Protein backbone atom coordinates (compact mmCIF):
# COMPACT_ATOMS: atom_id res chain seq x y z
CA MET A 1 -50.89 -37.42 26.43
CA GLU A 2 -49.38 -35.97 29.59
CA LYS A 3 -46.45 -38.35 29.27
CA ASP A 4 -45.68 -37.06 25.76
CA ASN A 5 -45.89 -33.43 26.84
CA ARG A 6 -42.95 -33.89 29.17
CA TYR A 7 -40.64 -33.96 26.16
CA VAL A 8 -41.97 -30.85 24.42
CA LEU A 9 -40.06 -28.26 26.46
CA PRO A 10 -36.68 -30.07 26.42
CA ILE A 11 -36.94 -30.65 22.66
CA PHE A 12 -37.87 -27.00 22.13
CA LEU A 13 -34.94 -25.83 24.24
CA LEU A 14 -32.58 -28.15 22.35
CA ILE A 15 -33.76 -26.80 19.00
CA LEU A 16 -33.39 -23.24 20.27
CA LEU A 17 -29.87 -23.95 21.52
CA ILE A 18 -28.85 -25.44 18.16
CA ALA A 19 -30.31 -22.44 16.34
CA LEU A 20 -28.48 -19.97 18.59
CA ALA A 21 -25.22 -21.87 18.18
CA GLY A 22 -25.60 -21.80 14.41
CA TRP A 23 -26.34 -18.07 14.46
CA TYR A 24 -23.34 -17.38 16.70
CA TYR A 25 -21.05 -19.44 14.44
CA ALA A 26 -22.32 -17.70 11.34
CA GLN A 27 -21.83 -14.27 12.88
CA ASN A 28 -18.30 -14.99 13.98
CA LYS A 29 -17.38 -16.78 10.78
CA SER A 30 -18.65 -13.78 8.81
CA ALA A 31 -16.68 -11.37 10.99
CA ALA A 32 -13.49 -13.40 10.60
CA THR A 33 -13.69 -14.01 6.86
CA ALA A 34 -11.65 -11.82 4.53
CA GLN A 35 -13.96 -9.53 2.61
CA GLU A 36 -13.69 -8.60 -1.03
CA GLN A 37 -14.35 -4.96 -1.76
CA PRO A 38 -15.37 -3.65 -5.18
CA VAL A 39 -12.92 -1.41 -7.02
CA THR A 40 -13.88 2.02 -8.38
CA VAL A 41 -11.55 3.31 -11.10
CA LEU A 42 -11.21 7.09 -11.38
CA GLU A 43 -10.28 7.81 -14.98
CA LEU A 44 -7.24 10.05 -15.46
CA ALA A 45 -6.32 12.39 -18.30
CA GLY A 46 -3.15 14.14 -19.39
CA PRO A 47 0.43 12.85 -19.65
CA ILE A 48 0.11 10.73 -16.50
CA ALA A 49 -2.70 8.61 -17.96
CA VAL A 50 -0.40 6.49 -20.14
CA PRO A 51 1.01 3.16 -18.85
CA GLU A 52 4.54 4.51 -19.29
CA ALA A 53 3.91 6.90 -16.37
CA GLU A 54 4.77 3.97 -14.06
CA LEU A 55 3.22 5.45 -10.94
CA SER A 56 4.98 4.13 -7.85
CA GLY A 57 3.69 6.10 -4.85
CA LEU A 58 1.05 8.37 -3.33
CA GLY A 59 1.12 10.90 -0.50
CA TRP A 60 -1.08 13.64 0.95
CA HIS A 61 0.34 17.15 1.19
CA GLY A 62 -2.46 18.73 3.16
CA GLU A 63 -5.58 18.44 0.99
CA THR A 64 -3.58 17.69 -2.16
CA LEU A 65 -2.80 14.18 -3.39
CA ILE A 66 0.70 13.90 -4.85
CA LEU A 67 1.18 11.14 -7.44
CA LEU A 68 4.76 9.91 -7.85
CA PRO A 69 6.00 8.56 -11.19
CA GLN A 70 8.93 6.18 -10.90
CA TYR A 71 10.79 8.32 -13.44
CA PRO A 72 9.71 11.98 -13.08
CA GLU A 73 12.28 13.04 -15.68
CA GLY A 74 9.94 11.69 -18.33
CA PHE A 75 7.59 14.61 -17.71
CA GLY A 76 8.72 18.10 -18.67
CA ASP A 77 12.11 19.75 -18.66
CA GLY A 78 15.02 19.35 -16.25
CA ASP A 79 14.33 16.83 -13.50
CA GLY A 80 10.74 16.43 -14.60
CA ALA A 81 7.59 16.46 -12.53
CA LEU A 82 5.29 14.70 -10.13
CA PHE A 83 1.52 15.33 -10.28
CA ALA A 84 -1.22 16.65 -8.00
CA LEU A 85 -4.98 16.24 -7.53
CA SER A 86 -7.14 18.06 -4.99
CA LYS A 87 -9.03 16.00 -2.44
CA GLN A 88 -12.11 18.07 -3.20
CA ASP A 89 -12.07 17.01 -6.85
CA ILE A 90 -11.50 13.36 -5.94
CA LEU A 91 -14.42 13.30 -3.50
CA ALA A 92 -16.63 15.10 -6.03
CA ALA A 93 -15.70 12.57 -8.71
CA LEU A 94 -16.63 9.73 -6.39
CA ASP A 95 -20.06 11.19 -5.60
CA GLY A 96 -20.70 12.06 -9.24
CA THR A 97 -20.64 15.85 -8.93
CA HIS A 98 -17.31 16.34 -10.73
CA PRO A 99 -16.80 15.11 -14.29
CA THR A 100 -14.10 12.58 -15.07
CA PRO A 101 -11.48 12.10 -16.28
CA LEU A 102 -9.45 13.92 -13.66
CA GLU A 103 -6.36 15.68 -14.99
CA PRO A 104 -3.58 16.04 -12.40
CA ALA A 105 -1.52 19.24 -12.39
CA PRO A 106 2.28 19.00 -12.71
CA VAL A 107 4.50 19.45 -9.65
CA HIS A 108 7.92 20.57 -10.88
CA LEU A 109 10.85 18.58 -9.46
CA THR A 110 14.26 20.08 -8.78
CA ALA A 111 16.94 17.47 -7.97
CA PRO A 112 20.12 18.52 -9.79
CA GLY A 113 22.53 15.66 -10.40
CA LEU A 114 20.72 13.20 -8.13
CA LYS A 115 19.94 10.59 -10.76
CA GLU A 116 23.46 10.77 -12.16
CA SER A 117 25.05 10.39 -8.70
CA ILE A 118 23.43 7.00 -8.03
CA PRO A 119 24.78 4.06 -10.06
CA ASN A 120 22.08 2.07 -11.88
CA PHE A 121 19.35 4.46 -10.77
CA GLN A 122 15.97 2.71 -11.06
CA GLY A 123 13.68 5.49 -9.99
CA TYR A 124 11.62 6.67 -7.03
CA GLU A 125 9.48 4.17 -5.13
CA ALA A 126 7.63 5.87 -2.26
CA ILE A 127 6.70 9.33 -0.99
CA GLY A 128 5.49 10.86 2.29
CA PHE A 129 5.14 14.28 3.91
CA HIS A 130 5.62 16.01 7.25
CA GLY A 131 4.26 19.50 6.81
CA ASN A 132 6.16 20.91 3.83
CA GLN A 133 8.98 18.40 4.17
CA VAL A 134 8.91 15.55 1.66
CA PHE A 135 10.58 12.13 1.86
CA LEU A 136 11.20 9.72 -1.01
CA THR A 137 12.81 6.32 -1.37
CA ILE A 138 14.97 5.47 -4.38
CA GLU A 139 15.79 2.08 -5.88
CA ALA A 140 19.04 1.36 -7.70
CA GLY A 141 21.10 -1.58 -8.80
CA GLU A 142 21.07 -4.53 -11.14
CA GLY A 143 20.12 -8.17 -10.53
CA ILE A 144 20.58 -9.03 -6.88
CA ASP A 145 23.11 -6.19 -6.43
CA MET A 146 20.38 -3.80 -5.29
CA HIS A 147 20.56 -0.64 -3.19
CA GLY A 148 17.90 1.52 -1.57
CA TYR A 149 18.15 5.18 -0.57
CA ILE A 150 16.11 7.82 1.21
CA VAL A 151 16.18 11.52 0.38
CA SER A 152 14.25 14.51 1.66
CA GLY A 153 13.36 17.98 0.47
CA GLU A 154 10.74 20.71 0.55
CA ILE A 155 7.44 21.12 -1.26
CA SER A 156 6.02 24.57 -1.87
CA ALA A 157 2.94 25.52 0.15
CA ASP A 158 0.81 25.48 -3.01
CA SER A 159 2.05 21.99 -3.99
CA THR A 160 3.50 23.14 -7.31
CA GLU A 161 7.22 22.50 -6.78
CA ILE A 162 9.44 20.01 -4.95
CA THR A 163 13.14 20.67 -4.31
CA LEU A 164 15.23 17.76 -3.04
CA ASP A 165 18.32 18.08 -0.85
CA THR A 166 20.75 16.22 -3.07
CA SER A 167 23.59 16.71 -0.56
CA ASN A 168 21.99 14.28 1.90
CA VAL A 169 21.15 10.98 0.23
CA VAL A 170 21.22 8.14 2.78
CA GLU A 171 21.57 4.47 1.87
CA ILE A 172 19.07 2.07 3.43
CA PRO A 173 20.59 -1.28 4.48
CA MET A 174 19.27 -4.19 2.41
CA ALA A 175 17.42 -6.95 4.25
CA PHE A 176 19.02 -9.50 1.91
CA PRO A 177 20.13 -9.62 -1.73
CA SER A 178 17.02 -9.90 -3.89
CA ASP A 179 16.51 -9.28 -7.58
CA ASN A 180 14.85 -5.89 -8.18
CA HIS A 181 13.69 -5.45 -4.58
CA SER A 182 14.46 -2.69 -2.06
CA ASP A 183 12.62 -0.53 0.51
CA GLU A 184 9.59 0.39 -1.60
CA ALA A 185 7.28 1.76 1.10
CA LEU A 186 7.48 4.43 3.77
CA ILE A 187 5.35 6.06 6.45
CA VAL A 188 5.88 9.32 8.33
CA THR A 189 5.11 9.35 12.06
CA GLU A 190 5.08 12.32 14.45
CA ASP A 191 8.85 12.20 14.84
CA SER A 192 10.36 9.77 12.34
CA VAL A 193 10.25 8.13 8.94
CA LEU A 194 9.95 4.36 8.55
CA THR A 195 10.86 2.43 5.41
CA PHE A 196 9.81 -1.13 4.55
CA PHE A 197 11.57 -3.77 2.48
CA GLU A 198 9.41 -5.27 -0.23
CA ILE A 199 9.92 -8.98 0.63
CA ASN A 200 8.96 -10.17 4.12
CA GLY A 201 7.79 -13.77 3.65
CA ALA A 202 8.79 -16.23 6.37
CA ASP A 203 10.99 -18.42 4.17
CA LEU A 204 12.83 -15.54 2.50
CA ASN A 205 13.05 -12.99 5.33
CA PRO A 206 12.67 -14.75 8.70
CA ALA A 207 13.17 -11.60 10.83
CA PRO A 208 11.88 -8.60 8.86
CA SER A 209 12.20 -5.07 10.21
CA ALA A 210 11.40 -1.48 9.31
CA HIS A 211 14.24 1.04 9.12
CA VAL A 212 13.75 4.18 11.22
CA PHE A 213 15.13 7.61 10.33
CA SER A 214 14.93 11.03 11.95
CA PHE A 215 13.58 13.91 9.88
CA ASP A 216 17.25 14.78 9.23
CA LEU A 217 17.66 11.24 7.82
CA GLU A 218 19.86 10.10 10.69
CA PRO A 219 19.42 6.30 11.10
CA GLN A 220 17.57 5.44 14.31
CA GLY A 221 17.77 1.66 14.20
CA THR A 222 14.96 -0.72 13.27
CA LEU A 223 11.52 -1.85 14.42
CA SER A 224 10.37 -5.45 14.29
CA LEU A 225 7.92 -6.22 11.51
CA PRO A 226 5.65 -9.26 11.13
CA ASN A 227 6.20 -11.76 8.35
CA LEU A 228 3.98 -11.13 5.35
CA GLU A 229 3.98 -13.27 2.25
CA TYR A 230 4.31 -11.93 -1.31
CA ARG A 231 5.22 -8.23 -1.79
CA LEU A 232 4.71 -5.16 0.42
CA THR A 233 4.56 -2.28 -2.08
CA ASP A 234 3.32 0.71 -0.07
CA ALA A 235 2.04 1.69 3.36
CA VAL A 236 -0.02 4.36 5.07
CA LEU A 237 -0.23 5.33 8.76
CA ASP A 238 -3.74 6.08 10.01
CA SER A 239 -3.70 6.88 13.76
CA ASN A 240 -1.81 3.90 15.21
CA ASN A 241 -2.81 1.58 12.40
CA ILE A 242 -0.62 0.86 9.40
CA TRP A 243 -2.26 -0.41 6.23
CA VAL A 244 -0.02 -1.98 3.60
CA ILE A 245 -0.53 -3.15 0.04
CA ASN A 246 0.08 -6.90 -0.11
CA TYR A 247 0.35 -8.01 -3.73
CA PHE A 248 1.27 -11.20 -5.58
CA PHE A 249 1.81 -11.41 -9.32
CA PRO A 250 1.63 -15.00 -10.59
CA GLY A 251 4.82 -14.50 -12.59
CA ASP A 252 6.79 -14.01 -9.35
CA THR A 253 7.25 -17.74 -8.83
CA ASP A 254 10.02 -17.15 -6.27
CA LEU A 255 7.45 -15.48 -4.00
CA ALA A 256 4.75 -18.14 -4.36
CA THR A 257 3.81 -20.09 -1.24
CA SER A 258 1.39 -22.80 -0.21
CA ASN A 259 1.50 -21.53 3.37
CA ASP A 260 -0.22 -18.15 3.59
CA PRO A 261 -1.20 -17.62 7.26
CA LEU A 262 -3.76 -14.93 6.36
CA VAL A 263 -5.59 -17.29 4.02
CA ALA A 264 -5.45 -20.02 6.65
CA ALA A 265 -6.94 -17.68 9.24
CA TYR A 266 -9.51 -15.81 7.17
CA GLY A 267 -10.06 -17.67 3.92
CA GLU A 268 -10.34 -16.25 0.41
CA GLY A 269 -13.03 -14.20 -1.26
CA PRO A 270 -14.79 -15.59 -4.32
CA THR A 271 -12.55 -14.02 -6.98
CA HIS A 272 -9.35 -14.76 -5.05
CA ALA A 273 -10.41 -18.39 -4.83
CA GLN A 274 -10.57 -18.45 -8.65
CA GLN A 275 -7.34 -16.55 -9.51
CA GLU A 276 -3.65 -16.86 -8.73
CA GLN A 277 -2.95 -13.19 -8.04
CA VAL A 278 -3.39 -11.62 -4.59
CA GLU A 279 -4.53 -8.00 -4.19
CA ARG A 280 -5.25 -7.06 -0.59
CA LEU A 281 -4.73 -4.48 2.13
CA VAL A 282 -3.37 -5.77 5.43
CA GLU A 283 -3.75 -3.94 8.74
CA MET A 284 -0.92 -3.71 11.27
CA ASN A 285 -0.60 -2.13 14.71
CA TYR A 286 2.15 0.47 15.15
CA SER A 287 3.98 1.46 18.31
CA PRO A 288 7.50 2.82 18.90
CA ASN A 289 8.34 -0.65 20.25
CA GLY A 290 7.42 -2.58 17.14
CA ILE A 291 4.85 -3.38 14.48
CA THR A 292 2.48 -6.35 14.72
CA LEU A 293 -0.32 -7.79 12.63
CA ALA A 294 -3.74 -6.52 13.64
CA ASN A 295 -6.37 -9.04 14.65
CA SER A 296 -8.47 -8.32 11.58
CA ALA A 297 -9.14 -9.85 8.21
CA PRO A 298 -7.34 -8.32 5.24
CA ILE A 299 -9.37 -6.31 2.76
CA GLN A 300 -9.27 -8.26 -0.49
CA LEU A 301 -9.95 -6.33 -3.68
CA THR A 302 -12.44 -7.84 -6.09
CA LEU A 303 -10.21 -9.13 -8.88
CA ASP A 304 -10.62 -8.32 -12.56
CA GLY A 305 -10.32 -11.81 -13.99
CA ASP A 306 -6.70 -12.67 -14.62
CA ASN A 307 -5.73 -8.99 -15.14
CA ALA A 308 -3.37 -8.60 -12.20
CA ARG A 309 -3.20 -4.96 -11.08
CA ASN A 310 0.34 -4.02 -10.05
CA LEU A 311 -0.61 -1.94 -7.01
CA GLU A 312 2.19 0.46 -6.04
CA GLY A 313 0.78 3.48 -4.14
CA LEU A 314 -1.58 3.81 -1.16
CA VAL A 315 -3.20 6.57 0.92
CA ALA A 316 -6.25 6.73 3.17
CA LEU A 317 -9.16 8.88 1.97
CA ASP A 318 -10.53 10.37 5.20
CA LYS A 319 -12.47 7.54 6.88
CA GLN A 320 -14.16 6.45 3.65
CA GLY A 321 -11.53 4.06 2.36
CA PHE A 322 -8.34 4.06 0.33
CA LEU A 323 -6.88 5.38 -2.89
CA LEU A 324 -4.38 3.23 -4.77
CA VAL A 325 -2.41 3.57 -7.99
CA THR A 326 -1.00 0.95 -10.30
CA ASP A 327 2.28 0.76 -12.12
CA LYS A 328 1.98 0.25 -15.88
CA PHE A 329 0.29 -3.16 -15.54
CA PRO A 330 -2.41 -3.51 -16.74
CA SER A 331 -2.46 0.30 -17.23
CA THR A 332 -2.16 3.48 -15.16
CA MET A 333 -5.11 3.36 -12.75
CA LEU A 334 -6.25 5.49 -9.81
CA ILE A 335 -8.48 3.26 -7.70
CA PHE A 336 -10.84 3.84 -4.77
CA VAL A 337 -11.64 1.00 -2.36
CA GLU A 338 -14.28 1.61 0.27
CA MET A 339 -13.62 0.66 3.88
CA PRO A 340 -15.78 -2.38 4.79
């Protein structure tokens, strides 16, 4: 009996070691795996609620969320309108103390002659603010003969009117000729504005970069940007972290790839493993010397079957998560995604 007892402690220690190794692996595997976050849709009312609104960007002006239609002239007289929602109402709708639908208020746009001055104008794509100064990107062109522009202006303190400086419209150099693609995202830092080309996959754009502008729209060169497959449709700066929308629509066969480094590193959530589309938020690190991928898993949105949501606008909602808007596919949607 004594002889047998000699093996009890070593066997116990071996079992304990195996159990600890399994626990450690599971913990680290869980931490490294891309998470899928549920989507909360905040119902909208009013003229902006129709798919034809084609929302293309979001930005915070203080405590007011500004929603950017691609074609503001479709709303109201003259140059049309953007729309506004208060943060207070959004937070109250999320906690159930404010009834939905939410009806955004119009923000009158004054931009005399701007649309007519740009050949093949295809609308506004992104918006950002620095105090009462507003910045927007514009897409124009046809086929692969595309052009991107940046313009600035002022928003009234009460967020009811935007006036653009139509005398200072600056063209953004194209990364490469690409059908219906331009700089569709921007962020505003403490002292500059950065714009991002939509296509940054390794095979199509081997050395992507962000264009840098002063607040007077003087070009300040470029910053290196990491490769990112599919489309980059909007971005938000939160401290020194940039979050971007990374979206793939199955119909964009030219952007399809069998080599997605983020999937290789972090895997796919259950709905992404079942569907072709990709809907995720990717974190990057920002510094004046360049932009790099963060060492973190992307936030994958729980997919709605094969209904690909054309995600076009992004802002952070305090430290709770993110608000996103869709273009007209599958409909106009204001979405909340909680931070994991």
